[in-house]
Amino acid sequence: MTFYPVADDVLFAPGGRVVIRTYGVATAVGSTDGRPRPVAYRTWVTGVRDQPRYWHWGHFEDARTGHREVLEWLTGRGPRPQQVATG
């Protein structure tokens, strides 16, 4: 498995620390044809209660934009982001 970091941020809130991490993961090669597998991008949020903790993104640019949208949502500067369908 290969890990591709996209963005990391930390927010300090009255309730504690919130970490927002966006990354891509992929297996090295496919089991049947030997070709590389596509990368699956995710944004993972820790330290937030009663809220969505992760989002899935289809491509690198979606993940970059999504990370920024999650950060804006958590700081009250934007709406809750929607996941981008993979495909």
N, C-alpha and C. Protein backbone atom coordinates (compact mmCIF):
# COMPACT_ATOMS: atom_id res chain seq x y z
N MET A 1 0.85 -1.16 0.00
CA MET A 1 0.00 0.00 0.00
C MET A 1 0.90 1.24 0.00
N THR A 2 0.51 2.21 -0.79
CA THR A 2 1.26 3.46 -0.88
C THR A 2 0.40 4.59 -0.35
N PHE A 3 1.01 5.47 0.43
CA PHE A 3 0.34 6.59 1.07
C PHE A 3 0.80 7.87 0.38
N TYR A 4 -0.17 8.70 -0.05
CA TYR A 4 0.13 9.96 -0.72
C TYR A 4 -0.45 11.11 0.09
N PRO A 5 0.37 11.83 0.87
CA PRO A 5 -0.16 12.95 1.64
C PRO A 5 -0.57 14.10 0.72
N VAL A 6 -1.70 14.73 1.02
CA VAL A 6 -2.20 15.87 0.25
C VAL A 6 -2.13 17.13 1.10
N ALA A 7 -2.72 17.12 2.30
CA ALA A 7 -2.72 18.30 3.17
C ALA A 7 -2.99 17.89 4.61
N ASP A 8 -2.41 18.65 5.55
CA ASP A 8 -2.63 18.45 6.99
C ASP A 8 -2.85 19.81 7.63
N ASP A 9 -3.83 19.89 8.53
CA ASP A 9 -4.08 21.11 9.29
C ASP A 9 -4.49 20.73 10.70
N VAL A 10 -4.22 21.63 11.64
CA VAL A 10 -4.62 21.45 13.04
C VAL A 10 -5.33 22.72 13.49
N LEU A 11 -6.50 22.55 14.10
CA LEU A 11 -7.24 23.67 14.69
C LEU A 11 -7.28 23.47 16.20
N PHE A 12 -7.17 24.57 16.92
CA PHE A 12 -7.29 24.51 18.38
C PHE A 12 -8.60 25.15 18.76
N ALA A 13 -9.49 24.36 19.36
CA ALA A 13 -10.83 24.81 19.73
C ALA A 13 -10.99 24.69 21.24
N PRO A 14 -12.03 25.32 21.80
CA PRO A 14 -12.24 25.21 23.25
C PRO A 14 -12.35 23.76 23.74
N GLY A 15 -12.88 22.86 22.92
CA GLY A 15 -13.03 21.47 23.31
C GLY A 15 -11.79 20.63 23.10
N GLY A 16 -10.75 21.19 22.49
CA GLY A 16 -9.53 20.45 22.24
C GLY A 16 -9.01 20.67 20.84
N ARG A 17 -8.15 19.79 20.43
CA ARG A 17 -7.47 19.89 19.14
C ARG A 17 -8.23 19.12 18.07
N VAL A 18 -8.36 19.71 16.87
CA VAL A 18 -9.01 19.06 15.74
C VAL A 18 -7.97 18.92 14.63
N VAL A 19 -7.79 17.70 14.14
CA VAL A 19 -6.81 17.44 13.08
C VAL A 19 -7.55 17.09 11.80
N ILE A 20 -7.19 17.78 10.71
CA ILE A 20 -7.77 17.53 9.39
C ILE A 20 -6.64 17.02 8.50
N ARG A 21 -6.77 15.80 8.02
CA ARG A 21 -5.71 15.18 7.22
C ARG A 21 -6.32 14.64 5.94
N THR A 22 -5.76 15.04 4.81
CA THR A 22 -6.21 14.55 3.51
C THR A 22 -5.07 13.78 2.87
N TYR A 23 -5.38 12.60 2.36
CA TYR A 23 -4.35 11.73 1.80
C TYR A 23 -4.95 10.82 0.74
N GLY A 24 -4.09 10.21 -0.03
CA GLY A 24 -4.49 9.20 -1.00
C GLY A 24 -3.84 7.88 -0.63
N VAL A 25 -4.53 6.78 -0.91
CA VAL A 25 -3.97 5.45 -0.68
C VAL A 25 -4.22 4.59 -1.91
N ALA A 26 -3.27 3.71 -2.18
CA ALA A 26 -3.41 2.78 -3.30
C ALA A 26 -2.55 1.55 -3.03
N THR A 27 -2.99 0.41 -3.53
CA THR A 27 -2.14 -0.77 -3.47
C THR A 27 -1.11 -0.64 -4.58
N ALA A 28 0.01 -1.28 -4.41
CA ALA A 28 1.11 -1.15 -5.37
C ALA A 28 0.72 -1.64 -6.76
N VAL A 29 0.15 -2.83 -6.86
CA VAL A 29 -0.26 -3.37 -8.15
C VAL A 29 -1.54 -4.16 -7.99
N GLY A 30 -2.29 -4.25 -9.08
CA GLY A 30 -3.51 -5.05 -9.07
C GLY A 30 -3.19 -6.53 -9.00
N SER A 31 -4.06 -7.30 -8.38
CA SER A 31 -3.79 -8.72 -8.20
C SER A 31 -3.97 -9.53 -9.48
N THR A 32 -4.78 -9.06 -10.41
CA THR A 32 -5.05 -9.86 -11.61
C THR A 32 -4.23 -9.45 -12.82
N ASP A 33 -4.03 -8.17 -13.03
CA ASP A 33 -3.35 -7.75 -14.25
C ASP A 33 -1.99 -7.10 -14.03
N GLY A 34 -1.58 -6.86 -12.78
CA GLY A 34 -0.27 -6.31 -12.50
C GLY A 34 -0.15 -4.81 -12.72
N ARG A 35 -1.24 -4.14 -13.08
CA ARG A 35 -1.18 -2.68 -13.29
C ARG A 35 -1.45 -1.96 -11.97
N PRO A 36 -0.92 -0.74 -11.83
CA PRO A 36 -1.18 0.02 -10.60
C PRO A 36 -2.67 0.28 -10.41
N ARG A 37 -3.11 0.27 -9.17
CA ARG A 37 -4.51 0.55 -8.85
C ARG A 37 -4.71 2.05 -8.76
N PRO A 38 -5.95 2.53 -8.98
CA PRO A 38 -6.20 3.96 -8.82
C PRO A 38 -6.06 4.38 -7.35
N VAL A 39 -5.77 5.64 -7.16
CA VAL A 39 -5.60 6.18 -5.82
C VAL A 39 -6.96 6.59 -5.27
N ALA A 40 -7.25 6.23 -4.03
CA ALA A 40 -8.49 6.63 -3.35
C ALA A 40 -8.12 7.75 -2.38
N TYR A 41 -8.76 8.90 -2.52
CA TYR A 41 -8.46 10.07 -1.69
C TYR A 41 -9.49 10.21 -0.58
N ARG A 42 -9.01 10.59 0.62
CA ARG A 42 -9.89 10.75 1.77
C ARG A 42 -9.45 11.95 2.60
N THR A 43 -10.43 12.58 3.22
CA THR A 43 -10.15 13.59 4.25
C THR A 43 -10.67 13.02 5.55
N TRP A 44 -9.82 12.95 6.55
CA TRP A 44 -10.15 12.37 7.84
C TRP A 44 -10.03 13.45 8.90
N VAL A 45 -11.08 13.61 9.73
CA VAL A 45 -11.10 14.62 10.78
C VAL A 45 -11.18 13.92 12.12
N THR A 46 -10.27 14.25 13.02
CA THR A 46 -10.31 13.71 14.39
C THR A 46 -10.48 14.87 15.36
N GLY A 47 -11.18 14.62 16.45
CA GLY A 47 -11.39 15.62 17.48
C GLY A 47 -12.72 16.34 17.39
N VAL A 48 -13.61 15.93 16.49
CA VAL A 48 -14.92 16.56 16.34
C VAL A 48 -15.97 15.52 16.75
N ARG A 49 -16.86 15.91 17.66
CA ARG A 49 -17.91 14.99 18.09
C ARG A 49 -19.20 15.25 17.34
N ASP A 50 -19.97 14.21 17.12
CA ASP A 50 -21.30 14.29 16.51
C ASP A 50 -21.29 14.95 15.12
N GLN A 51 -20.24 14.78 14.38
CA GLN A 51 -20.14 15.33 13.02
C GLN A 51 -19.53 14.26 12.12
N PRO A 52 -19.68 14.42 10.81
CA PRO A 52 -19.00 13.48 9.90
C PRO A 52 -17.49 13.52 10.14
N ARG A 53 -16.88 12.40 10.09
CA ARG A 53 -15.45 12.34 10.37
C ARG A 53 -14.61 12.14 9.12
N TYR A 54 -15.20 11.72 7.99
CA TYR A 54 -14.37 11.53 6.80
C TYR A 54 -15.17 11.77 5.53
N TRP A 55 -14.44 12.10 4.49
CA TRP A 55 -15.01 12.32 3.16
C TRP A 55 -14.14 11.55 2.16
N HIS A 56 -14.76 11.08 1.09
CA HIS A 56 -14.05 10.41 0.00
C HIS A 56 -14.04 11.34 -1.21
N TRP A 57 -12.93 11.34 -1.94
CA TRP A 57 -12.79 12.19 -3.12
C TRP A 57 -12.36 11.34 -4.31
N GLY A 58 -12.73 11.77 -5.50
CA GLY A 58 -12.43 11.00 -6.70
C GLY A 58 -11.04 11.20 -7.27
N HIS A 59 -10.51 12.41 -7.16
CA HIS A 59 -9.22 12.74 -7.79
C HIS A 59 -8.43 13.68 -6.88
N PHE A 60 -7.16 13.87 -7.21
CA PHE A 60 -6.28 14.71 -6.41
C PHE A 60 -6.83 16.13 -6.26
N GLU A 61 -7.25 16.74 -7.35
CA GLU A 61 -7.77 18.11 -7.28
C GLU A 61 -9.03 18.20 -6.43
N ASP A 62 -9.90 17.18 -6.53
CA ASP A 62 -11.10 17.13 -5.68
C ASP A 62 -10.70 17.05 -4.21
N ALA A 63 -9.66 16.27 -3.91
CA ALA A 63 -9.20 16.11 -2.54
C ALA A 63 -8.62 17.42 -2.01
N ARG A 64 -7.86 18.11 -2.84
CA ARG A 64 -7.28 19.39 -2.43
C ARG A 64 -8.36 20.43 -2.13
N THR A 65 -9.32 20.53 -3.04
CA THR A 65 -10.44 21.46 -2.86
C THR A 65 -11.30 21.04 -1.68
N GLY A 66 -11.57 19.74 -1.56
CA GLY A 66 -12.37 19.22 -0.46
C GLY A 66 -11.75 19.48 0.89
N HIS A 67 -10.43 19.33 1.00
CA HIS A 67 -9.73 19.61 2.25
C HIS A 67 -9.95 21.06 2.65
N ARG A 68 -9.81 21.96 1.71
CA ARG A 68 -10.01 23.39 1.98
C ARG A 68 -11.46 23.67 2.40
N GLU A 69 -12.43 23.00 1.75
CA GLU A 69 -13.83 23.18 2.11
C GLU A 69 -14.14 22.65 3.51
N VAL A 70 -13.54 21.51 3.88
CA VAL A 70 -13.73 20.97 5.23
C VAL A 70 -13.15 21.94 6.25
N LEU A 71 -11.98 22.48 5.98
CA LEU A 71 -11.37 23.45 6.87
C LEU A 71 -12.23 24.70 7.03
N GLU A 72 -12.78 25.20 5.92
CA GLU A 72 -13.66 26.37 5.98
C GLU A 72 -14.93 26.07 6.77
N TRP A 73 -15.50 24.86 6.58
CA TRP A 73 -16.70 24.47 7.31
C TRP A 73 -16.43 24.41 8.81
N LEU A 74 -15.31 23.82 9.19
CA LEU A 74 -14.99 23.68 10.61
C LEU A 74 -14.71 25.03 11.28
N THR A 75 -14.26 26.00 10.51
CA THR A 75 -13.99 27.33 11.08
C THR A 75 -15.16 28.27 10.92
N GLY A 76 -16.29 27.78 10.38
CA GLY A 76 -17.50 28.58 10.25
C GLY A 76 -17.51 29.53 9.07
N ARG A 77 -16.63 29.32 8.10
CA ARG A 77 -16.57 30.21 6.94
C ARG A 77 -17.20 29.63 5.68
N GLY A 78 -17.83 28.45 5.80
CA GLY A 78 -18.44 27.84 4.63
C GLY A 78 -19.41 26.75 5.02
N PRO A 79 -20.19 26.26 4.03
CA PRO A 79 -21.14 25.18 4.30
C PRO A 79 -20.44 23.83 4.43
N ARG A 80 -21.17 22.86 4.96
CA ARG A 80 -20.62 21.50 5.06
C ARG A 80 -20.36 20.96 3.66
N PRO A 81 -19.16 20.47 3.37
CA PRO A 81 -18.84 19.98 2.02
C PRO A 81 -19.54 18.65 1.71
N GLN A 82 -19.81 18.47 0.44
CA GLN A 82 -20.38 17.22 -0.06
C GLN A 82 -19.26 16.38 -0.65
N GLN A 83 -19.41 15.06 -0.54
CA GLN A 83 -18.40 14.17 -1.11
C GLN A 83 -18.51 14.17 -2.63
N VAL A 84 -17.39 13.98 -3.29
CA VAL A 84 -17.35 13.84 -4.74
C VAL A 84 -17.41 12.36 -5.05
N ALA A 85 -18.29 11.97 -5.95
CA ALA A 85 -18.43 10.55 -6.31
C ALA A 85 -17.16 10.08 -6.99
N THR A 86 -16.73 8.87 -6.62
CA THR A 86 -15.55 8.29 -7.25
C THR A 86 -15.97 7.61 -8.54
N GLY A 87 -15.03 7.50 -9.44
CA GLY A 87 -15.38 6.80 -10.67
C GLY A 87 -14.48 7.05 -11.80
